């Protein structure tokens, strides 16, 4: 899908039907025809667009005589994020192409951060302000990582409550998938930190002093997010190790209790089996002997239960 926006005389950013001078072009999962139109009209390299559409593309900067490509990684929520059977969060490339007279924003799928910037939720701008729009996108992406980290923290807290009494590996697999999401985020943030540091030098884009300060502030936020994510990764790894031990201990407690109950039941069973055999036994003619044997089996079982309970074999 190709959308073109341009600032009108009243300051509003409105859709446009033509590739006018100083317009913002938004591409979402574009067709080859749409890409070829922009390549021919704006004289941009075809590789700029194909690179962004590669789901495995990492953050980087690429320059050409006709423009500059900046690729970011944006965190997104997977379709099956609730059941945690797979990593609930991952990253997708977002391309920002600075043409001579246009700014092109490219992504494989619709991204909330782009919509929020274009609706001016992160600040006002005019369509000719390519650097300012890029900085607003940087800020939106940085805050998106913080929001997704908060979601991961909430899910980890819920899993911790379930794991305390768990006998299955389901919750552990869920923690593993959350940890994989953190790995995706950590890898992306490391590359984006290097990218932003390069941008602050001013040799890639023309950045004014106030814009440079804004970029440095975004860089600080990004570095803080990277540190928090790395700490959460380590904490989550330790948590998985601890709860793996807890689940193992819980299973051992269940097996110990079942073994104890089996021992308690096997003594009366053995006595009953002996007296039920088709052989002559002392006292078999006495009607009271059956009652005495039953009472004896009950007493033995009760005594064993008391002994095992005191040794905490019957406690979970």
Protein backbone atom coordinates (compact mmCIF):
# COMPACT_ATOMS: atom_id res chain seq x y z
CA UNK A 1 0.00 0.00 0.00
CA UNK A 2 1.35 3.40 -0.98
CA UNK A 3 0.21 6.57 0.79
CA UNK A 4 1.44 10.10 0.10
CA UNK A 5 1.15 12.96 2.61
CA UNK A 6 1.87 16.65 2.26
CA UNK A 7 1.48 19.64 4.54
CA UNK A 8 -1.07 22.14 3.27
CA UNK A 9 -1.08 25.90 3.77
CA UNK A 10 -3.09 25.59 7.00
CA UNK A 11 -0.43 23.28 8.50
CA UNK A 12 -2.44 20.06 8.25
CA UNK A 13 -0.79 16.87 7.01
CA UNK A 14 -3.24 15.51 4.44
CA UNK A 15 -3.19 12.67 1.89
CA UNK A 16 -2.12 13.54 -1.62
CA UNK A 17 -2.60 11.84 -4.96
CA UNK A 18 0.65 13.00 -6.56
CA UNK A 19 4.35 12.77 -5.72
CA UNK A 20 4.63 16.46 -5.01
CA UNK A 21 7.79 18.21 -3.87
CA UNK A 22 8.63 17.73 -0.14
CA UNK A 23 6.03 15.03 0.49
CA UNK A 24 6.11 12.07 2.88
CA UNK A 25 5.57 8.66 1.29
CA UNK A 26 4.42 5.73 3.42
CA UNK A 27 4.83 2.22 1.99
CA UNK A 28 3.37 -0.84 3.74
CA UNK A 29 4.15 -4.23 2.18
CA UNK A 30 4.47 -2.60 -1.24
CA UNK A 31 4.03 -4.38 -4.54
CA UNK A 32 6.81 -4.50 -7.12
CA UNK A 33 4.82 -2.07 -9.23
CA UNK A 34 4.68 0.51 -6.41
CA UNK A 35 8.40 0.08 -5.75
CA UNK A 36 9.28 0.51 -9.42
CA UNK A 37 7.22 3.70 -9.60
CA UNK A 38 9.21 5.25 -6.75
CA UNK A 39 12.53 3.96 -8.08
CA UNK A 40 11.86 5.53 -11.48
CA UNK A 41 10.29 8.76 -10.22
CA UNK A 42 12.69 9.48 -7.35
CA UNK A 43 15.81 7.81 -8.81
CA UNK A 44 16.40 5.71 -5.72
CA UNK A 45 18.24 2.35 -5.65
CA UNK A 46 15.99 -0.70 -5.85
CA UNK A 47 18.07 -2.36 -3.11
CA UNK A 48 16.90 0.26 -0.62
CA UNK A 49 13.37 -1.14 -0.77
CA UNK A 50 14.28 -4.81 -1.00
CA UNK A 51 16.58 -4.51 2.02
CA UNK A 52 13.78 -3.14 4.21
CA UNK A 53 11.40 -5.89 3.10
CA UNK A 54 13.86 -8.57 4.26
CA UNK A 55 12.49 -9.65 7.64
CA UNK A 56 16.02 -10.49 8.87
CA UNK A 57 17.54 -7.11 8.02
CA UNK A 58 19.47 -5.52 10.90
CA UNK A 59 19.70 -1.80 11.79
CA UNK A 60 22.19 0.03 9.59
CA UNK A 61 22.79 3.08 7.40
CA UNK A 62 23.44 3.01 3.67
CA UNK A 63 24.21 6.03 1.51
CA UNK A 64 23.84 6.58 -2.20
CA UNK A 65 24.24 9.53 -4.55
CA UNK A 66 20.46 9.90 -4.63
CA UNK A 67 19.54 9.23 -1.01
CA UNK A 68 20.22 7.72 2.41
CA UNK A 69 18.65 4.59 3.87
CA UNK A 70 18.25 4.16 7.64
CA UNK A 71 16.94 0.81 8.85
CA UNK A 72 15.57 0.40 12.37
CA UNK A 73 14.14 -2.67 14.11
CA UNK A 74 10.71 -2.11 15.64
CA UNK A 75 9.26 -4.43 18.32
CA UNK A 76 5.91 -6.00 17.43
CA UNK A 77 3.55 -8.43 19.12
CA UNK A 78 3.04 -11.85 17.53
CA UNK A 79 -0.45 -13.13 16.73
CA UNK A 80 -0.23 -15.93 19.33
CA UNK A 81 1.36 -13.79 22.05
CA UNK A 82 -1.15 -14.83 24.71
CA UNK A 83 -0.49 -18.60 24.77
CA UNK A 84 3.33 -18.18 24.84
CA UNK A 85 3.90 -21.33 22.78
CA UNK A 86 6.31 -19.29 20.65
CA UNK A 87 8.22 -16.04 21.22
CA UNK A 88 5.41 -13.51 21.79
CA UNK A 89 7.42 -10.54 20.56
CA UNK A 90 9.89 -10.02 17.74
CA UNK A 91 11.26 -7.20 15.63
CA UNK A 92 10.58 -6.11 12.06
CA UNK A 93 12.61 -3.73 9.89
CA UNK A 94 11.48 -0.15 9.40
CA UNK A 95 13.13 1.77 6.58
CA UNK A 96 13.51 5.55 6.50
CA UNK A 97 14.74 6.75 3.10
CA UNK A 98 15.90 10.34 2.72
CA UNK A 99 15.52 11.27 -0.93
CA UNK A 100 16.47 14.62 -2.37
CA UNK A 101 12.98 16.06 -2.02
CA UNK A 102 11.02 13.28 -0.31
CA UNK A 103 10.95 11.15 2.82
CA UNK A 104 9.93 7.52 2.29
CA UNK A 105 8.89 5.29 5.20
CA UNK A 106 8.84 1.57 4.33
CA UNK A 107 7.79 -1.51 6.31
CA UNK A 108 6.65 -5.08 5.68
CA UNK A 109 3.54 -4.65 7.82
CA UNK A 110 1.51 -1.84 9.40
CA UNK A 111 3.37 -0.40 12.39
CA UNK A 112 1.74 1.53 15.19
CA UNK A 113 4.79 3.73 15.71
CA UNK A 114 4.57 5.08 12.16
CA UNK A 115 0.86 5.82 12.45
CA UNK A 116 1.43 7.62 15.77
CA UNK A 117 4.15 9.81 14.28
CA UNK A 118 2.15 10.64 11.15
CA UNK A 119 -0.84 11.62 13.31
CA UNK A 120 1.52 13.94 15.22
CA UNK A 121 1.21 12.18 18.57
CA UNK A 122 4.95 12.68 19.10
CA UNK A 123 5.12 16.29 17.93
CA UNK A 124 4.26 18.67 15.11
CA UNK A 125 6.14 18.80 11.84
CA UNK A 126 5.85 19.80 8.21
CA UNK A 127 6.29 17.30 5.41
CA UNK A 128 9.55 18.93 4.27
CA UNK A 129 11.17 18.33 7.72
CA UNK A 130 12.78 15.00 6.89
CA UNK A 131 15.24 15.01 9.77
CA UNK A 132 12.62 16.00 12.35
CA UNK A 133 10.23 13.28 11.19
CA UNK A 134 13.08 10.77 11.40
CA UNK A 135 13.87 11.84 14.97
CA UNK A 136 10.20 11.50 15.92
CA UNK A 137 10.26 7.96 14.51
CA UNK A 138 13.41 7.25 16.53
CA UNK A 139 11.63 8.44 19.67
CA UNK A 140 8.51 6.38 18.94
CA UNK A 141 10.58 3.23 18.39
CA UNK A 142 12.51 3.82 21.63
CA UNK A 143 9.29 4.16 23.63
CA UNK A 144 7.87 1.09 21.91
CA UNK A 145 10.72 -1.00 23.34
CA UNK A 146 9.93 0.34 26.80
CA UNK A 147 6.24 -0.55 26.37
CA UNK A 148 7.02 -4.09 25.22
CA UNK A 149 9.45 -4.57 28.10
CA UNK A 150 6.66 -3.61 30.51
CA UNK A 151 4.43 -6.25 28.88
CA UNK A 152 7.14 -8.89 29.31
CA UNK A 153 7.58 -7.96 32.97
CA UNK A 154 3.84 -8.34 33.55
CA UNK A 155 3.78 -11.76 31.87
CA UNK A 156 6.80 -12.93 33.88
CA UNK A 157 5.03 -11.91 37.11
CA UNK A 158 1.96 -13.95 36.14
CA UNK A 159 4.10 -16.98 35.30
CA UNK A 160 5.93 -16.73 38.62
CA UNK A 161 2.65 -17.17 40.49
CA UNK A 162 1.80 -20.27 38.46
CA UNK A 163 5.27 -21.79 38.78
CA UNK A 164 5.21 -21.93 42.58
CA UNK A 165 2.81 -24.87 42.47
CA UNK A 166 3.61 -26.23 39.03
CA UNK A 167 4.46 -29.83 38.16
CA UNK A 168 4.71 -29.25 34.40
CA UNK A 169 7.18 -27.65 32.02
CA UNK A 170 4.57 -25.45 30.32
CA UNK A 171 5.44 -22.35 32.32
CA UNK A 172 9.16 -22.93 31.83
CA UNK A 173 8.68 -23.08 28.06
CA UNK A 174 6.71 -19.83 28.29
CA UNK A 175 9.62 -18.20 30.13
CA UNK A 176 12.01 -19.51 27.48
CA UNK A 177 9.92 -17.89 24.74
CA UNK A 178 9.85 -14.60 26.64
CA UNK A 179 13.61 -14.85 26.97
CA UNK A 180 13.89 -15.34 23.20
CA UNK A 181 11.92 -12.13 22.70
CA UNK A 182 14.39 -10.34 24.96
CA UNK A 183 17.24 -11.73 22.85
CA UNK A 184 15.60 -10.25 19.73
CA UNK A 185 15.25 -6.89 21.48
CA UNK A 186 18.79 -6.91 22.85
CA UNK A 187 20.30 -7.68 19.44
CA UNK A 188 18.28 -4.93 17.76
CA UNK A 189 19.05 -2.32 20.43
CA UNK A 190 22.79 -3.02 20.26
CA UNK A 191 22.81 -2.36 16.52
CA UNK A 192 20.54 0.68 16.83
CA UNK A 193 22.76 2.20 19.53
CA UNK A 194 25.72 2.08 17.14
CA UNK A 195 23.53 3.55 14.38
CA UNK A 196 22.39 6.49 16.56
CA UNK A 197 25.95 7.15 17.71
CA UNK A 198 26.99 7.43 14.09
CA UNK A 199 24.11 9.81 13.36
CA UNK A 200 25.16 12.12 16.20
CA UNK A 201 28.45 12.74 14.37
CA UNK A 202 26.48 14.55 11.67
CA UNK A 203 28.33 13.02 8.73
CA UNK A 204 25.30 11.04 7.52
CA UNK A 205 22.44 13.53 7.94
CA UNK A 206 22.48 17.27 8.39
CA UNK A 207 21.42 17.72 12.01
CA UNK A 208 21.00 21.09 13.71
CA UNK A 209 22.18 21.59 17.27
CA UNK A 210 18.70 21.28 18.83
CA UNK A 211 18.03 18.16 16.76
CA UNK A 212 21.39 16.74 17.83
CA UNK A 213 20.42 17.22 21.47
CA UNK A 214 17.13 15.45 20.82
CA UNK A 215 18.98 12.57 19.14
CA UNK A 216 21.42 12.32 22.06
CA UNK A 217 18.46 12.17 24.46
CA UNK A 218 16.91 9.37 22.39
CA UNK A 219 20.27 7.58 22.40
CA UNK A 220 20.39 7.75 26.20
CA UNK A 221 16.87 6.29 26.41
CA UNK A 222 17.86 3.53 24.01
CA UNK A 223 20.99 2.66 25.98
CA UNK A 224 18.96 2.54 29.20
CA UNK A 225 16.42 0.23 27.57
CA UNK A 226 19.26 -2.00 26.36
CA UNK A 227 20.69 -2.20 29.89
CA UNK A 228 17.30 -2.99 31.41
CA UNK A 229 16.63 -5.69 28.81
CA UNK A 230 20.04 -7.26 29.43
CA UNK A 231 19.39 -7.28 33.19
CA UNK A 232 15.97 -8.82 32.61
CA UNK A 233 17.54 -11.50 30.40
CA UNK A 234 19.97 -12.48 33.13
CA UNK A 235 17.23 -12.39 35.75
CA UNK A 236 14.97 -14.52 33.58
CA UNK A 237 17.72 -17.08 32.98
CA UNK A 238 18.32 -17.37 36.73
CA UNK A 239 14.58 -17.57 37.30
CA UNK A 240 14.23 -20.44 34.84
CA UNK A 241 17.03 -22.34 36.55
CA UNK A 242 15.45 -21.79 39.96
CA UNK A 243 11.98 -22.85 38.88
CA UNK A 244 13.30 -25.87 37.03
CA UNK A 245 14.67 -26.98 40.40
CA UNK A 246 11.36 -26.18 42.10
CA UNK A 247 9.40 -28.26 39.58
CA UNK A 248 11.88 -31.11 40.07
CA UNK A 249 11.43 -30.89 43.85
CA UNK A 250 7.64 -30.77 43.49
CA UNK A 251 7.70 -33.94 41.42
CA UNK A 252 10.00 -35.60 43.94
CA UNK A 253 7.57 -34.71 46.72
CA UNK A 254 4.69 -36.28 44.81
CA UNK A 255 6.67 -39.44 44.10
CA UNK A 256 7.75 -39.67 47.74
CA UNK A 257 4.16 -39.39 48.91
CA UNK A 258 2.95 -42.00 46.42
CA UNK A 259 5.75 -44.37 47.43
CA UNK A 260 4.87 -43.91 51.10
CA UNK A 261 1.20 -44.65 50.46
CA UNK A 262 2.18 -47.73 48.48
CA UNK A 263 4.23 -49.01 51.45
CA UNK A 264 1.34 -48.32 53.82
CA UNK A 265 -1.03 -50.29 51.59
CA UNK A 266 1.32 -53.17 50.77
CA UNK A 267 1.61 -54.50 54.38
CA UNK A 268 -2.16 -55.12 54.82
CA UNK A 269 -2.25 -56.49 51.28
CA UNK A 270 0.47 -59.03 52.08
CA UNK A 271 -1.27 -60.15 55.28
CA UNK A 272 -4.59 -60.45 53.49
CA UNK A 273 -2.96 -62.43 50.68
CA UNK A 274 -1.40 -64.91 53.13
CA UNK A 275 -4.67 -65.62 54.91
CA UNK A 276 -6.59 -65.91 51.65
CA UNK A 277 -4.42 -68.75 50.30
CA UNK A 278 -5.99 -72.20 50.02
CA UNK A 279 -3.77 -73.79 52.70
CA UNK A 280 -4.30 -74.68 56.33
CA UNK A 281 -3.47 -71.84 58.73
CA UNK A 282 -3.62 -71.64 62.53
CA UNK A 283 -6.85 -70.23 63.90
CA UNK A 284 -8.72 -70.44 60.61
CA UNK A 285 -11.67 -72.17 62.33
CA UNK A 286 -11.99 -69.39 64.90
CA UNK A 287 -14.52 -66.73 63.72
CA UNK A 288 -12.82 -64.08 65.85
CA UNK A 289 -9.51 -64.48 63.99
CA UNK A 290 -10.83 -62.68 60.90
CA UNK A 291 -11.82 -59.68 62.99
CA UNK A 292 -8.48 -59.70 64.80
CA UNK A 293 -6.56 -59.88 61.53
CA UNK A 294 -8.55 -56.94 60.13
CA UNK A 295 -7.94 -54.91 63.28
CA UNK A 296 -4.25 -55.79 63.12
CA UNK A 297 -3.98 -54.63 59.51
CA UNK A 298 -5.69 -51.34 60.36
CA UNK A 299 -3.37 -50.79 63.34
CA UNK A 300 -0.28 -51.51 61.25
CA UNK A 301 -1.46 -49.09 58.56
CA UNK A 302 -2.19 -46.37 61.12
CA UNK A 303 1.20 -46.86 62.76
CA UNK A 304 2.95 -46.60 59.41
CA UNK A 305 0.99 -43.46 58.54
CA UNK A 306 1.99 -41.85 61.84
CA UNK A 307 5.65 -42.76 61.37
CA UNK A 308 5.78 -41.49 57.81
CA UNK A 309 3.86 -38.33 58.68
CA UNK A 310 6.32 -37.48 61.45
CA UNK A 311 9.16 -37.99 58.99
CA UNK A 312 7.34 -35.57 56.65
CA UNK A 313 7.00 -38.18 53.92
CA UNK A 314 3.29 -37.41 53.56
CA UNK A 315 3.63 -33.63 53.38
CA UNK A 316 3.81 -31.77 50.07
